[in-house]
N, C-alpha and C. Protein backbone atom coordinates (compact mmCIF):
# COMPACT_ATOMS: atom_id res chain seq x y z
N UNK A 1 7.18 -20.52 -11.42
CA UNK A 1 6.99 -19.89 -10.14
C UNK A 1 6.28 -18.55 -10.31
N UNK A 2 5.43 -18.22 -9.33
CA UNK A 2 4.70 -16.95 -9.34
C UNK A 2 4.79 -16.31 -7.97
N UNK A 3 4.68 -15.00 -7.95
CA UNK A 3 4.52 -14.30 -6.68
C UNK A 3 3.03 -14.20 -6.44
N UNK A 4 2.57 -14.83 -5.38
CA UNK A 4 1.14 -14.86 -5.07
C UNK A 4 0.78 -13.96 -3.89
N UNK A 5 1.78 -13.72 -3.00
CA UNK A 5 1.50 -12.97 -1.79
C UNK A 5 2.73 -12.18 -1.38
N UNK A 6 2.51 -10.97 -0.94
CA UNK A 6 3.55 -10.17 -0.31
C UNK A 6 2.89 -9.48 0.86
N UNK A 7 3.69 -8.91 1.75
CA UNK A 7 3.07 -8.33 2.94
C UNK A 7 3.64 -6.96 3.24
N UNK A 8 2.87 -6.22 4.00
CA UNK A 8 3.29 -4.93 4.53
C UNK A 8 2.88 -4.92 6.00
N UNK A 9 3.79 -4.45 6.85
CA UNK A 9 3.48 -4.36 8.27
C UNK A 9 2.63 -3.14 8.54
N UNK A 10 1.63 -3.29 9.39
CA UNK A 10 0.74 -2.20 9.76
C UNK A 10 0.56 -2.18 11.27
N UNK A 11 0.31 -1.00 11.82
CA UNK A 11 0.15 -0.91 13.27
C UNK A 11 -1.27 -1.17 13.73
N UNK A 12 -2.22 -1.22 12.80
CA UNK A 12 -3.62 -1.46 13.14
C UNK A 12 -4.29 -2.07 11.90
N UNK A 13 -4.71 -3.32 12.00
CA UNK A 13 -5.27 -3.99 10.82
C UNK A 13 -6.61 -3.42 10.38
N UNK A 14 -7.46 -2.99 11.30
CA UNK A 14 -8.74 -2.41 10.92
C UNK A 14 -8.53 -1.09 10.19
N UNK A 15 -7.64 -0.26 10.70
CA UNK A 15 -7.33 1.02 10.06
C UNK A 15 -6.70 0.77 8.68
N UNK A 16 -5.83 -0.22 8.61
CA UNK A 16 -5.19 -0.56 7.34
C UNK A 16 -6.23 -1.03 6.32
N UNK A 17 -7.16 -1.87 6.76
CA UNK A 17 -8.20 -2.35 5.84
C UNK A 17 -9.00 -1.19 5.28
N UNK A 18 -9.36 -0.24 6.13
CA UNK A 18 -10.09 0.94 5.65
C UNK A 18 -9.26 1.70 4.61
N UNK A 19 -7.99 1.94 4.91
CA UNK A 19 -7.16 2.70 3.98
C UNK A 19 -7.00 1.98 2.64
N UNK A 20 -6.63 0.71 2.70
CA UNK A 20 -6.33 -0.01 1.46
C UNK A 20 -7.58 -0.28 0.62
N UNK A 21 -8.75 -0.31 1.24
CA UNK A 21 -9.98 -0.51 0.46
C UNK A 21 -10.65 0.82 0.12
N UNK A 22 -10.86 1.69 1.10
CA UNK A 22 -11.61 2.93 0.87
C UNK A 22 -10.78 4.02 0.18
N UNK A 23 -9.51 4.10 0.46
CA UNK A 23 -8.67 5.15 -0.14
C UNK A 23 -8.01 4.64 -1.42
N UNK A 24 -7.30 3.51 -1.34
CA UNK A 24 -6.61 3.00 -2.52
C UNK A 24 -7.56 2.31 -3.50
N UNK A 25 -8.62 1.69 -2.99
CA UNK A 25 -9.58 1.05 -3.88
C UNK A 25 -9.38 -0.45 -4.06
N UNK A 26 -8.53 -1.07 -3.24
CA UNK A 26 -8.36 -2.51 -3.31
C UNK A 26 -9.59 -3.20 -2.70
N UNK A 27 -9.70 -4.49 -2.93
CA UNK A 27 -10.81 -5.27 -2.39
C UNK A 27 -10.29 -6.25 -1.35
N UNK A 28 -11.06 -6.42 -0.28
CA UNK A 28 -10.69 -7.41 0.74
C UNK A 28 -10.76 -8.79 0.11
N UNK A 29 -9.71 -9.56 0.29
CA UNK A 29 -9.64 -10.90 -0.30
C UNK A 29 -9.84 -11.98 0.75
N UNK A 30 -9.11 -11.90 1.87
CA UNK A 30 -9.23 -12.90 2.93
C UNK A 30 -9.21 -12.18 4.27
N UNK A 31 -10.00 -12.70 5.20
CA UNK A 31 -10.04 -12.12 6.55
C UNK A 31 -10.52 -13.20 7.50
N UNK A 32 -9.59 -13.83 8.20
CA UNK A 32 -9.99 -14.81 9.20
C UNK A 32 -8.98 -14.81 10.34
N UNK A 33 -9.44 -15.25 11.49
CA UNK A 33 -8.62 -15.24 12.70
C UNK A 33 -8.45 -16.63 13.26
N UNK A 34 -7.34 -16.81 13.96
CA UNK A 34 -7.06 -18.03 14.71
C UNK A 34 -6.45 -17.57 16.02
N UNK A 35 -7.27 -17.49 17.06
CA UNK A 35 -6.81 -16.92 18.32
C UNK A 35 -6.48 -15.45 18.12
N UNK A 36 -5.32 -15.01 18.56
CA UNK A 36 -4.96 -13.59 18.40
C UNK A 36 -4.43 -13.26 17.01
N UNK A 37 -4.22 -14.27 16.17
CA UNK A 37 -3.66 -14.05 14.84
C UNK A 37 -4.76 -13.78 13.82
N UNK A 38 -4.59 -12.76 13.01
CA UNK A 38 -5.56 -12.42 11.96
C UNK A 38 -4.86 -12.42 10.61
N UNK A 39 -5.37 -13.20 9.70
CA UNK A 39 -4.88 -13.26 8.33
C UNK A 39 -5.77 -12.33 7.51
N UNK A 40 -5.19 -11.25 7.01
CA UNK A 40 -5.96 -10.23 6.30
C UNK A 40 -5.24 -9.86 5.02
N UNK A 41 -5.90 -10.04 3.89
CA UNK A 41 -5.29 -9.68 2.61
C UNK A 41 -6.26 -8.85 1.76
N UNK A 42 -5.66 -8.06 0.87
CA UNK A 42 -6.40 -7.30 -0.13
C UNK A 42 -5.80 -7.61 -1.49
N UNK A 43 -6.57 -7.31 -2.53
CA UNK A 43 -6.10 -7.53 -3.90
C UNK A 43 -6.66 -6.43 -4.78
N UNK A 44 -6.03 -6.25 -5.92
CA UNK A 44 -6.50 -5.28 -6.89
C UNK A 44 -7.80 -5.76 -7.51
N UNK A 45 -8.81 -4.89 -7.62
CA UNK A 45 -10.03 -5.30 -8.31
C UNK A 45 -9.79 -5.56 -9.80
N UNK A 46 -8.68 -5.04 -10.32
CA UNK A 46 -8.32 -5.28 -11.72
C UNK A 46 -7.78 -6.69 -11.92
N UNK A 47 -7.23 -7.29 -10.86
CA UNK A 47 -6.71 -8.65 -10.89
C UNK A 47 -7.10 -9.38 -9.60
N UNK A 48 -8.40 -9.68 -9.43
CA UNK A 48 -8.87 -10.25 -8.17
C UNK A 48 -8.20 -11.58 -7.81
N UNK A 49 -7.70 -12.31 -8.78
CA UNK A 49 -7.01 -13.57 -8.50
C UNK A 49 -5.50 -13.43 -8.64
N UNK A 50 -5.04 -12.19 -8.68
CA UNK A 50 -3.61 -11.92 -8.79
C UNK A 50 -2.94 -11.87 -7.43
N UNK A 51 -1.84 -11.18 -7.36
CA UNK A 51 -1.06 -11.09 -6.13
C UNK A 51 -1.87 -10.43 -5.03
N UNK A 52 -1.79 -11.01 -3.83
CA UNK A 52 -2.47 -10.46 -2.67
C UNK A 52 -1.45 -9.72 -1.79
N UNK A 53 -1.93 -8.70 -1.11
CA UNK A 53 -1.13 -7.95 -0.16
C UNK A 53 -1.64 -8.28 1.23
N UNK A 54 -0.79 -8.90 2.04
CA UNK A 54 -1.16 -9.23 3.41
C UNK A 54 -0.90 -8.02 4.29
N UNK A 55 -1.90 -7.61 5.06
CA UNK A 55 -1.79 -6.51 6.01
C UNK A 55 -1.44 -7.14 7.35
N UNK A 56 -0.15 -7.23 7.63
CA UNK A 56 0.37 -7.97 8.77
C UNK A 56 0.53 -7.07 9.98
N UNK A 57 -0.04 -7.48 11.10
CA UNK A 57 0.09 -6.70 12.33
C UNK A 57 1.55 -6.62 12.74
N UNK A 58 1.98 -5.40 13.00
CA UNK A 58 3.38 -5.16 13.34
C UNK A 58 3.61 -5.33 14.84
N UNK A 59 3.66 -6.58 15.27
CA UNK A 59 3.91 -6.85 16.69
C UNK A 59 5.25 -7.54 16.90
N UNK A 60 6.13 -7.46 15.93
CA UNK A 60 7.47 -8.01 15.99
C UNK A 60 8.45 -6.85 16.11
N UNK A 61 9.25 -6.78 17.19
CA UNK A 61 10.14 -5.63 17.39
C UNK A 61 11.11 -5.39 16.23
N UNK A 62 11.65 -6.45 15.63
CA UNK A 62 12.57 -6.28 14.50
C UNK A 62 11.85 -5.69 13.29
N UNK A 63 10.66 -6.18 13.02
CA UNK A 63 9.89 -5.67 11.89
C UNK A 63 9.46 -4.23 12.13
N UNK A 64 9.12 -3.91 13.37
CA UNK A 64 8.72 -2.54 13.70
C UNK A 64 9.88 -1.58 13.48
N UNK A 65 11.09 -1.97 13.89
CA UNK A 65 12.28 -1.13 13.68
C UNK A 65 12.53 -0.93 12.19
N UNK A 66 12.39 -1.99 11.40
CA UNK A 66 12.56 -1.91 9.96
C UNK A 66 11.53 -0.97 9.33
N UNK A 67 10.27 -1.12 9.73
CA UNK A 67 9.20 -0.28 9.22
C UNK A 67 9.49 1.19 9.54
N UNK A 68 9.87 1.47 10.76
CA UNK A 68 10.13 2.86 11.17
C UNK A 68 11.34 3.43 10.43
N UNK A 69 12.37 2.62 10.22
CA UNK A 69 13.56 3.09 9.50
C UNK A 69 13.21 3.44 8.05
N UNK A 70 12.43 2.59 7.40
CA UNK A 70 12.01 2.89 6.02
C UNK A 70 11.25 4.21 5.97
N UNK A 71 10.32 4.38 6.89
CA UNK A 71 9.50 5.59 6.91
C UNK A 71 10.37 6.83 7.14
N UNK A 72 11.28 6.76 8.10
CA UNK A 72 12.15 7.90 8.42
C UNK A 72 13.06 8.26 7.25
N UNK A 73 13.41 7.27 6.42
CA UNK A 73 14.26 7.52 5.26
C UNK A 73 13.45 7.83 4.00
N UNK A 74 12.14 8.00 4.16
CA UNK A 74 11.23 8.29 3.04
C UNK A 74 11.24 7.21 1.97
N UNK A 75 11.42 5.97 2.40
CA UNK A 75 11.42 4.83 1.48
C UNK A 75 10.04 4.16 1.52
N UNK A 76 9.47 3.86 0.36
CA UNK A 76 8.15 3.22 0.36
C UNK A 76 8.21 1.77 0.84
N UNK A 77 7.18 1.36 1.55
CA UNK A 77 7.04 -0.03 1.96
C UNK A 77 6.47 -0.87 0.82
N UNK A 78 5.77 -0.21 -0.10
CA UNK A 78 5.19 -0.90 -1.25
C UNK A 78 5.06 0.09 -2.40
N UNK A 79 5.08 -0.44 -3.61
CA UNK A 79 4.88 0.37 -4.81
C UNK A 79 3.76 -0.26 -5.62
N UNK A 80 2.84 0.56 -6.06
CA UNK A 80 1.75 0.11 -6.89
C UNK A 80 1.80 0.85 -8.21
N UNK A 81 1.54 0.13 -9.29
CA UNK A 81 1.61 0.70 -10.62
C UNK A 81 0.22 1.10 -11.09
N UNK A 82 0.18 2.20 -11.83
CA UNK A 82 -1.07 2.75 -12.31
C UNK A 82 -0.90 3.24 -13.75
N UNK A 83 -1.99 3.30 -14.47
CA UNK A 83 -1.96 3.84 -15.83
C UNK A 83 -2.02 5.36 -15.82
N UNK A 84 -2.55 5.95 -14.72
CA UNK A 84 -2.73 7.40 -14.66
C UNK A 84 -2.53 7.88 -13.22
N UNK A 85 -1.29 8.19 -12.86
CA UNK A 85 -0.98 8.59 -11.49
C UNK A 85 -1.69 9.89 -11.10
N UNK A 86 -1.87 10.80 -12.04
CA UNK A 86 -2.54 12.07 -11.72
C UNK A 86 -4.00 11.83 -11.35
N UNK A 87 -4.70 11.00 -12.10
CA UNK A 87 -6.10 10.70 -11.80
C UNK A 87 -6.23 9.97 -10.46
N UNK A 88 -5.33 9.02 -10.20
CA UNK A 88 -5.38 8.32 -8.91
C UNK A 88 -5.05 9.27 -7.76
N UNK A 89 -4.11 10.16 -7.98
CA UNK A 89 -3.77 11.17 -6.97
C UNK A 89 -5.00 12.01 -6.62
N UNK A 90 -5.70 12.50 -7.63
CA UNK A 90 -6.90 13.33 -7.41
C UNK A 90 -7.98 12.54 -6.69
N UNK A 91 -8.22 11.30 -7.12
CA UNK A 91 -9.25 10.45 -6.52
C UNK A 91 -8.93 10.18 -5.05
N UNK A 92 -7.69 9.81 -4.76
CA UNK A 92 -7.30 9.47 -3.39
C UNK A 92 -7.26 10.71 -2.49
N UNK A 93 -6.81 11.81 -3.03
CA UNK A 93 -6.76 13.06 -2.26
C UNK A 93 -8.18 13.47 -1.87
N UNK A 94 -9.13 13.31 -2.78
CA UNK A 94 -10.53 13.62 -2.49
C UNK A 94 -11.10 12.72 -1.40
N UNK A 95 -10.52 11.53 -1.25
CA UNK A 95 -10.96 10.59 -0.21
C UNK A 95 -10.21 10.77 1.10
N UNK A 96 -9.33 11.78 1.16
CA UNK A 96 -8.65 12.09 2.41
C UNK A 96 -7.22 11.59 2.53
N UNK A 97 -6.64 11.08 1.46
CA UNK A 97 -5.25 10.59 1.52
C UNK A 97 -4.29 11.74 1.77
N UNK A 98 -3.24 11.45 2.55
CA UNK A 98 -2.20 12.44 2.84
C UNK A 98 -0.97 12.10 2.00
N UNK A 99 -0.71 12.92 1.00
CA UNK A 99 0.43 12.71 0.12
C UNK A 99 1.65 13.46 0.65
N UNK A 100 2.79 12.81 0.58
CA UNK A 100 4.06 13.46 0.93
C UNK A 100 4.76 13.96 -0.31
N UNK A 101 4.32 13.48 -1.48
CA UNK A 101 4.85 13.93 -2.77
C UNK A 101 3.74 13.87 -3.80
N UNK A 102 3.41 15.00 -4.43
CA UNK A 102 2.41 14.96 -5.50
C UNK A 102 3.02 14.28 -6.73
N UNK A 103 2.22 14.01 -7.74
CA UNK A 103 2.77 13.40 -8.95
C UNK A 103 3.97 14.21 -9.45
N UNK A 104 5.08 13.50 -9.64
CA UNK A 104 6.35 14.13 -9.99
C UNK A 104 7.02 13.31 -11.08
N UNK A 105 7.50 13.99 -12.12
CA UNK A 105 8.23 13.32 -13.18
C UNK A 105 9.63 12.95 -12.68
N UNK A 106 9.98 11.68 -12.84
CA UNK A 106 11.32 11.19 -12.54
C UNK A 106 11.77 10.37 -13.75
N UNK A 107 12.96 9.84 -13.71
CA UNK A 107 13.49 9.09 -14.83
C UNK A 107 12.56 7.95 -15.23
N UNK A 108 12.06 8.00 -16.43
CA UNK A 108 11.24 6.95 -17.04
C UNK A 108 9.89 6.70 -16.36
N UNK A 109 9.46 7.60 -15.48
CA UNK A 109 8.17 7.40 -14.84
C UNK A 109 7.69 8.67 -14.16
N UNK A 110 6.47 8.60 -13.67
CA UNK A 110 5.90 9.65 -12.82
C UNK A 110 5.48 8.96 -11.54
N UNK A 111 5.84 9.55 -10.39
CA UNK A 111 5.52 8.92 -9.12
C UNK A 111 4.83 9.89 -8.18
N UNK A 112 4.14 9.35 -7.21
CA UNK A 112 3.55 10.10 -6.11
C UNK A 112 3.74 9.23 -4.86
N UNK A 113 3.79 9.88 -3.69
CA UNK A 113 4.00 9.14 -2.45
C UNK A 113 2.95 9.57 -1.45
N UNK A 114 2.39 8.61 -0.71
CA UNK A 114 1.40 8.91 0.31
C UNK A 114 1.58 8.05 1.53
N UNK A 115 1.04 8.52 2.66
CA UNK A 115 1.07 7.78 3.91
C UNK A 115 -0.12 6.84 3.94
N UNK A 116 0.10 5.62 4.47
CA UNK A 116 -1.01 4.67 4.52
C UNK A 116 -1.76 4.69 5.85
N UNK A 117 -1.47 5.65 6.72
CA UNK A 117 -2.08 5.83 8.04
C UNK A 117 -1.68 4.74 9.04
N UNK A 118 -0.83 3.80 8.63
CA UNK A 118 -0.46 2.66 9.48
C UNK A 118 1.05 2.52 9.62
N UNK A 119 1.79 3.61 9.35
CA UNK A 119 3.23 3.60 9.54
C UNK A 119 4.07 3.42 8.29
N UNK A 120 3.45 3.47 7.11
CA UNK A 120 4.18 3.22 5.87
C UNK A 120 3.97 4.33 4.85
N UNK A 121 4.93 4.42 3.95
CA UNK A 121 4.79 5.24 2.75
C UNK A 121 4.50 4.30 1.59
N UNK A 122 3.62 4.72 0.71
CA UNK A 122 3.23 3.95 -0.46
C UNK A 122 3.56 4.79 -1.69
N UNK A 123 4.21 4.19 -2.65
CA UNK A 123 4.55 4.89 -3.89
C UNK A 123 3.62 4.44 -5.00
N UNK A 124 3.06 5.39 -5.71
CA UNK A 124 2.29 5.13 -6.92
C UNK A 124 3.20 5.44 -8.10
N UNK A 125 3.24 4.55 -9.09
CA UNK A 125 4.15 4.71 -10.21
C UNK A 125 3.41 4.54 -11.52
N UNK A 126 3.65 5.48 -12.41
CA UNK A 126 3.16 5.40 -13.79
C UNK A 126 4.39 5.37 -14.68
N UNK A 127 4.56 4.26 -15.38
CA UNK A 127 5.72 4.14 -16.26
C UNK A 127 5.56 5.01 -17.49
N UNK A 128 6.68 5.57 -17.94
CA UNK A 128 6.66 6.40 -19.15
C UNK A 128 6.37 5.51 -20.35
N UNK A 129 5.71 6.08 -21.30
CA UNK A 129 5.44 5.36 -22.56
C UNK A 129 6.53 5.74 -23.55
N UNK A 130 7.14 4.75 -24.12
CA UNK A 130 8.24 5.00 -25.06
C UNK A 130 7.73 5.07 -26.46
């Protein structure tokens, strides 16, 4: 078994696509519509055939409440791993990303947190080298 797809709720799919591609650097993988429904995914350019992230429109009241609760509690909706969190922080900040936490040393890793402009916090994680 493999994890092929996971999702994050967003309040605007076009805005989310811009953020996840232009700020984070992911690549658009799938984008098609069926009536009012839009299937939109991005993937890491480092693993174009790896796990996809679906940018799901947040039009479900239960999901919207969950998304807002996570944000209010400063909990990330997604975590992405990096080899160099400081370099990614600098690159994304230069592209206009709004960080709520700069790179910070924590137990066994270094993390940074940023807003995805669509109602979520995203955590960047660099694992410590032993």
